[in-house]
Amino acid sequence: MDHPSHVAALRRDGAAAVVAATDGIDAPVPGCPGWTVADLCGHLAAIHHRVGTIVRDRLMDPPRELWGVEPPPPAERAGWLAEGHRALVAALEGADPQAPVWTWTGPRTMSFWARRMALETAVHRWDLESAAGGGEPIAPELAVDGIDELFEVFLAARREPLLGAEPWRFGGDGERLHVHATDAPGEWVLRFAGGDVEVTREHAKGEAALRGPASELLLVLYGRVAPGAGDAELLGDPEVLRRWTATARI
């Protein structure tokens, strides 16, 4: 996906997130234990406001003062999210994808934030909708991109301590997990060994296979749903998938 496609996805899923955050603000969010709709709405709104400022002002250093912003009262958070979302979309629409900007990892360009915000918003839109018993699937192309980002960006960054978080350490002795999207081009093989995981984009056999729509695969890998709870199917040894889900928390 390119920069305009990410911005379009951000616009679409952000608008849906605002709608989902309007009602049932005290409802628990299943994929974010301990959080209510109001809590998650405040979290997503704060991210949109913060990244919107980074992009708009082309900041090259982390704006630490923006991390301590207190959200408004719960009843006002959907409006705060709508405001931050509009500003973020406008800032990214007017940005050169290759312009330099501060990021916490990966390519330090505007394109990083367009991709990251599209995916952050899509997953949290699903979270907010799931609090009301729904949850529209994430668009297949975006979900495949999210799986790529998970392995290309998060996995690479979390091999070392990141922003105060402990590095990810996986067990394993060469076991492989084949991840296969059934509604969009996307196959990955994860090989667990030596506390790390090596990821390749290929079709190959493994000790376990996770198959299903790309949205379901992304949500399983993010720890939002268990295989079998939706349309994702796990074949083979469940301990191989558990090596990932027990460690990689997004």
C-alpha atoms as a PDB file:
ATOM      1  CA  MET A   1       0.000   0.000   0.000  1.00  0.00           C
ATOM      2  CA  ASP A   2       1.173   3.537  -0.709  1.00  0.00           C
ATOM      3  CA  HIS A   3       0.852   6.774   1.257  1.00  0.00           C
ATOM      4  CA  PRO A   4      -2.501   7.878  -0.259  1.00  0.00           C
ATOM      5  CA  SER A   5      -3.973   4.409   0.370  1.00  0.00           C
ATOM      6  CA  HIS A   6      -2.919   4.528   4.012  1.00  0.00           C
ATOM      7  CA  VAL A   7      -4.404   8.009   4.443  1.00  0.00           C
ATOM      8  CA  ALA A   8      -7.661   6.860   2.821  1.00  0.00           C
ATOM      9  CA  ALA A   9      -7.823   3.880   5.199  1.00  0.00           C
ATOM     10  CA  LEU A  10      -7.116   6.163   8.159  1.00  0.00           C
ATOM     11  CA  ARG A  11      -9.924   8.489   7.082  1.00  0.00           C
ATOM     12  CA  ARG A  12     -12.397   5.612   6.721  1.00  0.00           C
ATOM     13  CA  ASP A  13     -11.584   3.692   9.902  1.00  0.00           C
ATOM     14  CA  GLY A  14     -11.167   6.823  11.993  1.00  0.00           C
ATOM     15  CA  ALA A  15     -14.649   8.028  11.077  1.00  0.00           C
ATOM     16  CA  ALA A  16     -16.054   4.607  11.997  1.00  0.00           C
ATOM     17  CA  ALA A  17     -14.132   4.662  15.295  1.00  0.00           C
ATOM     18  CA  VAL A  18     -15.744   7.985  16.224  1.00  0.00           C
ATOM     19  CA  VAL A  19     -19.198   6.503  15.596  1.00  0.00           C
ATOM     20  CA  ALA A  20     -18.368   3.400  17.663  1.00  0.00           C
ATOM     21  CA  ALA A  21     -17.043   5.548  20.529  1.00  0.00           C
ATOM     22  CA  THR A  22     -20.204   7.634  20.811  1.00  0.00           C
ATOM     23  CA  ASP A  23     -22.401   5.130  22.665  1.00  0.00           C
ATOM     24  CA  GLY A  24     -21.792   2.719  25.517  1.00  0.00           C
ATOM     25  CA  ILE A  25     -18.811   4.625  26.862  1.00  0.00           C
ATOM     26  CA  ASP A  26     -18.714   2.495  30.020  1.00  0.00           C
ATOM     27  CA  ALA A  27     -18.764  -0.819  28.136  1.00  0.00           C
ATOM     28  CA  PRO A  28     -15.657  -3.013  28.538  1.00  0.00           C
ATOM     29  CA  VAL A  29     -13.461  -3.574  25.480  1.00  0.00           C
ATOM     30  CA  PRO A  30     -12.788  -7.329  25.132  1.00  0.00           C
ATOM     31  CA  GLY A  31      -9.473  -6.924  23.296  1.00  0.00           C
ATOM     32  CA  CYS A  32      -8.123  -4.362  25.792  1.00  0.00           C
ATOM     33  CA  PRO A  33      -8.625  -5.941  29.236  1.00  0.00           C
ATOM     34  CA  GLY A  34      -9.410  -3.421  31.953  1.00  0.00           C
ATOM     35  CA  TRP A  35     -10.369  -0.673  29.509  1.00  0.00           C
ATOM     36  CA  THR A  36     -13.772   0.783  28.726  1.00  0.00           C
ATOM     37  CA  VAL A  37     -14.855   2.378  25.460  1.00  0.00           C
ATOM     38  CA  ALA A  38     -14.102   5.786  27.009  1.00  0.00           C
ATOM     39  CA  ASP A  39     -10.583   4.651  27.982  1.00  0.00           C
ATOM     40  CA  LEU A  40      -9.798   3.359  24.498  1.00  0.00           C
ATOM     41  CA  CYS A  41     -11.338   6.410  22.862  1.00  0.00           C
ATOM     42  CA  GLY A  42      -9.100   8.657  24.977  1.00  0.00           C
ATOM     43  CA  HIS A  43      -6.052   6.542  24.113  1.00  0.00           C
ATOM     44  CA  LEU A  44      -6.684   6.668  20.356  1.00  0.00           C
ATOM     45  CA  ALA A  45      -7.568  10.367  20.434  1.00  0.00           C
ATOM     46  CA  ALA A  46      -4.346  11.188  22.295  1.00  0.00           C
ATOM     47  CA  ILE A  47      -2.326   9.300  19.675  1.00  0.00           C
ATOM     48  CA  HIS A  48      -4.075  11.127  16.828  1.00  0.00           C
ATOM     49  CA  HIS A  49      -3.474  14.531  18.439  1.00  0.00           C
ATOM     50  CA  ARG A  50       0.160  13.689  19.211  1.00  0.00           C
ATOM     51  CA  VAL A  51       1.052  12.299  15.783  1.00  0.00           C
ATOM     52  CA  GLY A  52      -0.904  15.067  14.069  1.00  0.00           C
ATOM     53  CA  THR A  53       1.366  17.581  15.803  1.00  0.00           C
ATOM     54  CA  ILE A  54       4.506  15.614  14.890  1.00  0.00           C
ATOM     55  CA  VAL A  55       3.498  15.498  11.220  1.00  0.00           C
ATOM     56  CA  ARG A  56       2.146  19.044  10.970  1.00  0.00           C
ATOM     57  CA  ASP A  57       5.220  20.599  12.613  1.00  0.00           C
ATOM     58  CA  ARG A  58       7.686  18.143  11.026  1.00  0.00           C
ATOM     59  CA  LEU A  59       9.274  17.483  14.398  1.00  0.00           C
ATOM     60  CA  MET A  60      12.657  15.755  14.434  1.00  0.00           C
ATOM     61  CA  ASP A  61      12.744  15.055  18.185  1.00  0.00           C
ATOM     62  CA  PRO A  62      10.171  13.226  20.321  1.00  0.00           C
ATOM     63  CA  PRO A  63       7.655  15.745  21.712  1.00  0.00           C
ATOM     64  CA  ARG A  64       7.765  14.445  25.283  1.00  0.00           C
ATOM     65  CA  GLU A  65       5.418  17.149  26.546  1.00  0.00           C
ATOM     66  CA  LEU A  66       2.636  15.652  24.402  1.00  0.00           C
ATOM     67  CA  TRP A  67       2.756  12.303  26.220  1.00  0.00           C
ATOM     68  CA  GLY A  68       1.282  13.733  29.422  1.00  0.00           C
ATOM     69  CA  VAL A  69      -1.857  15.312  27.965  1.00  0.00           C
ATOM     70  CA  GLU A  70      -4.929  14.460  30.041  1.00  0.00           C
ATOM     71  CA  PRO A  71      -8.027  13.437  28.068  1.00  0.00           C
ATOM     72  CA  PRO A  72     -11.300  15.310  28.577  1.00  0.00           C
ATOM     73  CA  PRO A  73     -14.148  13.755  30.611  1.00  0.00           C
ATOM     74  CA  PRO A  74     -15.476  10.457  29.195  1.00  0.00           C
ATOM     75  CA  ALA A  75     -18.598  11.992  27.646  1.00  0.00           C
ATOM     76  CA  GLU A  76     -16.445  14.403  25.598  1.00  0.00           C
ATOM     77  CA  ARG A  77     -13.884  11.932  24.283  1.00  0.00           C
ATOM     78  CA  ALA A  78     -15.641  10.973  21.045  1.00  0.00           C
ATOM     79  CA  GLY A  79     -15.592  14.647  20.071  1.00  0.00           C
ATOM     80  CA  TRP A  80     -11.917  14.873  21.033  1.00  0.00           C
ATOM     81  CA  LEU A  81     -11.216  11.820  18.870  1.00  0.00           C
ATOM     82  CA  ALA A  82     -13.080  13.358  15.920  1.00  0.00           C
ATOM     83  CA  GLU A  83     -11.064  16.572  16.268  1.00  0.00           C
ATOM     84  CA  GLY A  84      -7.717  14.777  16.456  1.00  0.00           C
ATOM     85  CA  HIS A  85      -8.625  12.459  13.592  1.00  0.00           C
ATOM     86  CA  ARG A  86      -9.533  15.342  11.272  1.00  0.00           C
ATOM     87  CA  ALA A  87      -6.279  17.154  12.067  1.00  0.00           C
ATOM     88  CA  LEU A  88      -4.183  14.014  11.586  1.00  0.00           C
ATOM     89  CA  VAL A  89      -5.758  13.191   8.211  1.00  0.00           C
ATOM     90  CA  ALA A  90      -5.267  16.783   7.034  1.00  0.00           C
ATOM     91  CA  ALA A  91      -1.615  16.796   8.136  1.00  0.00           C
ATOM     92  CA  LEU A  92      -0.827  13.498   6.405  1.00  0.00           C
ATOM     93  CA  GLU A  93      -2.719  14.442   3.227  1.00  0.00           C
ATOM     94  CA  GLY A  94      -0.506  17.493   2.858  1.00  0.00           C
ATOM     95  CA  ALA A  95       2.760  15.709   3.693  1.00  0.00           C
ATOM     96  CA  ASP A  96       5.470  14.505   1.332  1.00  0.00           C
ATOM     97  CA  PRO A  97       5.697  10.743   2.067  1.00  0.00           C
ATOM     98  CA  GLN A  98       9.505  10.865   1.972  1.00  0.00           C
ATOM     99  CA  ALA A  99       9.911  14.017   4.073  1.00  0.00           C
ATOM    100  CA  PRO A 100      11.995  13.377   7.215  1.00  0.00           C
ATOM    101  CA  VAL A 101      10.239  13.357  10.586  1.00  0.00           C
ATOM    102  CA  TRP A 102      10.735  11.814  14.029  1.00  0.00           C
ATOM    103  CA  THR A 103       9.463   8.244  14.447  1.00  0.00           C
ATOM    104  CA  TRP A 104      10.109   5.722  17.193  1.00  0.00           C
ATOM    105  CA  THR A 105      11.625   3.186  14.769  1.00  0.00           C
ATOM    106  CA  GLY A 106      11.742   2.202  11.124  1.00  0.00           C
ATOM    107  CA  PRO A 107      11.983   4.645   8.218  1.00  0.00           C
ATOM    108  CA  ARG A 108      11.998   8.143   9.703  1.00  0.00           C
ATOM    109  CA  THR A 109       9.686   9.573   7.075  1.00  0.00           C
ATOM    110  CA  MET A 110       6.065  10.694   6.854  1.00  0.00           C
ATOM    111  CA  SER A 111       5.154   7.399   5.178  1.00  0.00           C
ATOM    112  CA  PHE A 112       5.890   5.594   8.466  1.00  0.00           C
ATOM    113  CA  TRP A 113       3.193   7.591  10.247  1.00  0.00           C
ATOM    114  CA  ALA A 114       0.612   7.166   7.479  1.00  0.00           C
ATOM    115  CA  ARG A 115       1.006   3.392   7.665  1.00  0.00           C
ATOM    116  CA  ARG A 116       1.226   3.215  11.460  1.00  0.00           C
ATOM    117  CA  MET A 117      -1.814   5.436  12.012  1.00  0.00           C
ATOM    118  CA  ALA A 118      -3.915   3.580   9.429  1.00  0.00           C
ATOM    119  CA  LEU A 119      -3.235   0.289  11.203  1.00  0.00           C
ATOM    120  CA  GLU A 120      -3.470   1.634  14.760  1.00  0.00           C
ATOM    121  CA  THR A 121      -6.833   3.131  13.907  1.00  0.00           C
ATOM    122  CA  ALA A 122      -8.164   0.069  12.070  1.00  0.00           C
ATOM    123  CA  VAL A 123      -7.413  -2.285  14.968  1.00  0.00           C
ATOM    124  CA  HIS A 124      -8.817   0.100  17.576  1.00  0.00           C
ATOM    125  CA  ARG A 125     -11.888   0.740  15.416  1.00  0.00           C
ATOM    126  CA  TRP A 126     -12.466  -3.010  15.528  1.00  0.00           C
ATOM    127  CA  ASP A 127     -11.865  -2.962  19.303  1.00  0.00           C
ATOM    128  CA  LEU A 128     -14.446  -0.209  19.805  1.00  0.00           C
ATOM    129  CA  GLU A 129     -17.031  -1.975  17.645  1.00  0.00           C
ATOM    130  CA  SER A 130     -16.409  -5.273  19.432  1.00  0.00           C
ATOM    131  CA  ALA A 131     -17.413  -3.635  22.721  1.00  0.00           C
ATOM    132  CA  ALA A 132     -20.946  -3.460  21.308  1.00  0.00           C
ATOM    133  CA  GLY A 133     -20.811  -7.056  20.068  1.00  0.00           C
ATOM    134  CA  GLY A 134     -19.801  -6.190  16.497  1.00  0.00           C
ATOM    135  CA  GLY A 135     -16.500  -5.634  14.767  1.00  0.00           C
ATOM    136  CA  GLU A 136     -16.418  -5.170  11.002  1.00  0.00           C
ATOM    137  CA  PRO A 137     -13.404  -6.956   9.465  1.00  0.00           C
ATOM    138  CA  ILE A 138     -10.352  -4.906   8.609  1.00  0.00           C
ATOM    139  CA  ALA A 139     -10.015  -4.472   4.829  1.00  0.00           C
ATOM    140  CA  PRO A 140      -8.009  -7.444   3.449  1.00  0.00           C
ATOM    141  CA  GLU A 141      -5.255  -5.397   1.776  1.00  0.00           C
ATOM    142  CA  LEU A 142      -4.791  -3.297   4.917  1.00  0.00           C
ATOM    143  CA  ALA A 143      -4.781  -6.394   7.142  1.00  0.00           C
ATOM    144  CA  VAL A 144      -2.056  -8.016   5.010  1.00  0.00           C
ATOM    145  CA  ASP A 145      -0.079  -4.785   5.276  1.00  0.00           C
ATOM    146  CA  GLY A 146      -0.614  -4.915   9.036  1.00  0.00           C
ATOM    147  CA  ILE A 147       0.848  -8.412   9.235  1.00  0.00           C
ATOM    148  CA  ASP A 148       3.843  -7.247   7.201  1.00  0.00           C
ATOM    149  CA  GLU A 149       4.238  -4.251   9.534  1.00  0.00           C
ATOM    150  CA  LEU A 150       4.037  -6.511  12.572  1.00  0.00           C
ATOM    151  CA  PHE A 151       6.999  -8.533  11.316  1.00  0.00           C
ATOM    152  CA  GLU A 152       8.962  -5.776   9.537  1.00  0.00           C
ATOM    153  CA  VAL A 153       8.590  -3.009  12.131  1.00  0.00           C
ATOM    154  CA  PHE A 154       7.422  -4.286  15.517  1.00  0.00           C
ATOM    155  CA  LEU A 155       9.402  -7.532  15.544  1.00  0.00           C
ATOM    156  CA  ALA A 156      12.567  -5.768  14.385  1.00  0.00           C
ATOM    157  CA  ALA A 157      12.146  -2.987  16.958  1.00  0.00           C
ATOM    158  CA  ARG A 158      11.287  -5.284  19.859  1.00  0.00           C
ATOM    159  CA  ARG A 159      14.451  -7.349  19.588  1.00  0.00           C
ATOM    160  CA  GLU A 160      15.890  -4.618  21.826  1.00  0.00           C
ATOM    161  CA  PRO A 161      14.308  -2.601  24.671  1.00  0.00           C
ATOM    162  CA  LEU A 162      11.943  -0.013  23.159  1.00  0.00           C
ATOM    163  CA  LEU A 163      10.474   3.030  24.923  1.00  0.00           C
ATOM    164  CA  GLY A 164      10.902   1.339  28.285  1.00  0.00           C
ATOM    165  CA  ALA A 165       9.403  -1.997  27.191  1.00  0.00           C
ATOM    166  CA  GLU A 166      11.271  -5.272  27.549  1.00  0.00           C
ATOM    167  CA  PRO A 167      12.466  -6.964  24.339  1.00  0.00           C
ATOM    168  CA  TRP A 168      10.512  -9.885  22.966  1.00  0.00           C
ATOM    169  CA  ARG A 169      12.103 -13.271  23.624  1.00  0.00           C
ATOM    170  CA  PHE A 170      10.636 -16.392  22.027  1.00  0.00           C
ATOM    171  CA  GLY A 171      11.420 -19.984  22.852  1.00  0.00           C
ATOM    172  CA  GLY A 172      11.688 -22.635  20.206  1.00  0.00           C
ATOM    173  CA  ASP A 173      13.968 -25.155  18.595  1.00  0.00           C
ATOM    174  CA  GLY A 174      13.313 -24.592  14.911  1.00  0.00           C
ATOM    175  CA  GLU A 175       9.524 -25.015  14.915  1.00  0.00           C
ATOM    176  CA  ARG A 176       7.720 -23.257  12.064  1.00  0.00           C
ATOM    177  CA  LEU A 177       4.329 -21.571  11.831  1.00  0.00           C
ATOM    178  CA  HIS A 178       2.819 -21.081   8.377  1.00  0.00           C
ATOM    179  CA  VAL A 179       0.422 -18.097   8.217  1.00  0.00           C
ATOM    180  CA  HIS A 180      -1.794 -18.063   5.121  1.00  0.00           C
ATOM    181  CA  ALA A 181      -4.376 -15.422   4.170  1.00  0.00           C
ATOM    182  CA  THR A 182      -7.281 -16.858   2.197  1.00  0.00           C
ATOM    183  CA  ASP A 183      -8.834 -13.628   0.878  1.00  0.00           C
ATOM    184  CA  ALA A 184      -5.753 -11.669  -0.231  1.00  0.00           C
ATOM    185  CA  PRO A 185      -2.191 -12.485  -1.344  1.00  0.00           C
ATOM    186  CA  GLY A 186      -0.238 -13.099   1.828  1.00  0.00           C
ATOM    187  CA  GLU A 187       1.789 -16.010   3.211  1.00  0.00           C
ATOM    188  CA  TRP A 188       4.453 -15.979   5.904  1.00  0.00           C
ATOM    189  CA  VAL A 189       6.562 -18.616   7.648  1.00  0.00           C
ATOM    190  CA  LEU A 190       7.787 -17.980  11.198  1.00  0.00           C
ATOM    191  CA  ARG A 191      10.692 -20.082  12.465  1.00  0.00           C
ATOM    192  CA  PHE A 192      11.250 -20.001  16.238  1.00  0.00           C
ATOM    193  CA  ALA A 193      14.784 -20.696  17.460  1.00  0.00           C
ATOM    194  CA  GLY A 194      17.331 -19.321  19.898  1.00  0.00           C
ATOM    195  CA  GLY A 195      14.874 -16.938  21.548  1.00  0.00           C
ATOM    196  CA  ASP A 196      14.157 -15.173  18.250  1.00  0.00           C
ATOM    197  CA  VAL A 197      11.854 -15.687  15.288  1.00  0.00           C
ATOM    198  CA  GLU A 198      12.835 -15.516  11.629  1.00  0.00           C
ATOM    199  CA  VAL A 199      10.075 -14.528   9.198  1.00  0.00           C
ATOM    200  CA  THR A 200      10.021 -15.233   5.476  1.00  0.00           C
ATOM    201  CA  ARG A 201       7.355 -14.476   2.864  1.00  0.00           C
ATOM    202  CA  GLU A 202       6.769 -17.882   1.298  1.00  0.00           C
ATOM    203  CA  HIS A 203       4.561 -20.944   1.046  1.00  0.00           C
ATOM    204  CA  ALA A 204       6.061 -23.761   3.108  1.00  0.00           C
ATOM    205  CA  LYS A 205       5.027 -26.494   5.498  1.00  0.00           C
ATOM    206  CA  GLY A 206       5.309 -25.997   9.240  1.00  0.00           C
ATOM    207  CA  GLU A 207       4.543 -27.756  12.495  1.00  0.00           C
ATOM    208  CA  ALA A 208       1.444 -25.544  12.625  1.00  0.00           C
ATOM    209  CA  ALA A 209      -0.575 -23.517  10.133  1.00  0.00           C
ATOM    210  CA  LEU A 210      -2.854 -20.532  10.737  1.00  0.00           C
ATOM    211  CA  ARG A 211      -5.278 -19.995   7.843  1.00  0.00           C
ATOM    212  CA  GLY A 212      -8.142 -17.581   7.308  1.00  0.00           C
ATOM    213  CA  PRO A 213      -9.179 -14.109   6.167  1.00  0.00           C
ATOM    214  CA  ALA A 214      -6.398 -11.548   6.564  1.00  0.00           C
ATOM    215  CA  SER A 215      -8.372  -9.535   9.126  1.00  0.00           C
ATOM    216  CA  GLU A 216      -8.769 -12.590  11.358  1.00  0.00           C
ATOM    217  CA  LEU A 217      -5.081 -13.467  11.036  1.00  0.00           C
ATOM    218  CA  LEU A 218      -4.036  -9.962  12.057  1.00  0.00           C
ATOM    219  CA  LEU A 219      -6.385 -10.001  15.048  1.00  0.00           C
ATOM    220  CA  VAL A 220      -5.063 -13.405  16.170  1.00  0.00           C
ATOM    221  CA  LEU A 221      -1.450 -12.222  15.857  1.00  0.00           C
ATOM    222  CA  TYR A 222      -2.352  -9.044  17.785  1.00  0.00           C
ATOM    223  CA  GLY A 223      -3.852 -11.179  20.544  1.00  0.00           C
ATOM    224  CA  ARG A 224      -7.383  -9.879  19.989  1.00  0.00           C
ATOM    225  CA  VAL A 225      -9.080 -13.181  19.151  1.00  0.00           C
ATOM    226  CA  ALA A 226      -8.232 -16.859  19.458  1.00  0.00           C
ATOM    227  CA  PRO A 227      -8.126 -19.110  16.405  1.00  0.00           C
ATOM    228  CA  GLY A 228     -11.433 -20.895  16.110  1.00  0.00           C
ATOM    229  CA  ALA A 229     -13.341 -18.007  17.691  1.00  0.00           C
ATOM    230  CA  GLY A 230     -13.839 -16.518  14.224  1.00  0.00           C
ATOM    231  CA  ASP A 231     -12.919 -17.622  10.726  1.00  0.00           C
ATOM    232  CA  ALA A 232      -9.228 -18.327  11.377  1.00  0.00           C
ATOM    233  CA  GLU A 233      -8.304 -22.006  11.617  1.00  0.00           C
ATOM    234  CA  LEU A 234      -5.262 -23.420  13.403  1.00  0.00           C
ATOM    235  CA  LEU A 235      -3.905 -26.750  12.172  1.00  0.00           C
ATOM    236  CA  GLY A 236      -1.143 -28.728  13.843  1.00  0.00           C
ATOM    237  CA  ASP A 237       0.638 -28.016  17.125  1.00  0.00           C
ATOM    238  CA  PRO A 238      -1.041 -25.107  19.006  1.00  0.00           C
ATOM    239  CA  GLU A 239       2.114 -24.576  21.092  1.00  0.00           C
ATOM    240  CA  VAL A 240       3.873 -23.161  18.027  1.00  0.00           C
ATOM    241  CA  LEU A 241       1.352 -20.324  17.680  1.00  0.00           C
ATOM    242  CA  ARG A 242       1.407 -19.851  21.449  1.00  0.00           C
ATOM    243  CA  ARG A 243       5.112 -19.012  21.241  1.00  0.00           C
ATOM    244  CA  TRP A 244       4.069 -15.876  19.364  1.00  0.00           C
ATOM    245  CA  THR A 245       0.874 -14.937  21.199  1.00  0.00           C
ATOM    246  CA  ALA A 246       2.389 -15.408  24.667  1.00  0.00           C
ATOM    247  CA  THR A 247       5.187 -12.953  23.885  1.00  0.00           C
ATOM    248  CA  ALA A 248       4.115 -10.462  21.214  1.00  0.00           C
ATOM    249  CA  ARG A 249       1.660  -8.099  22.881  1.00  0.00           C
ATOM    250  CA  ILE A 250       0.501  -5.116  20.803  1.00  0.00           C
END
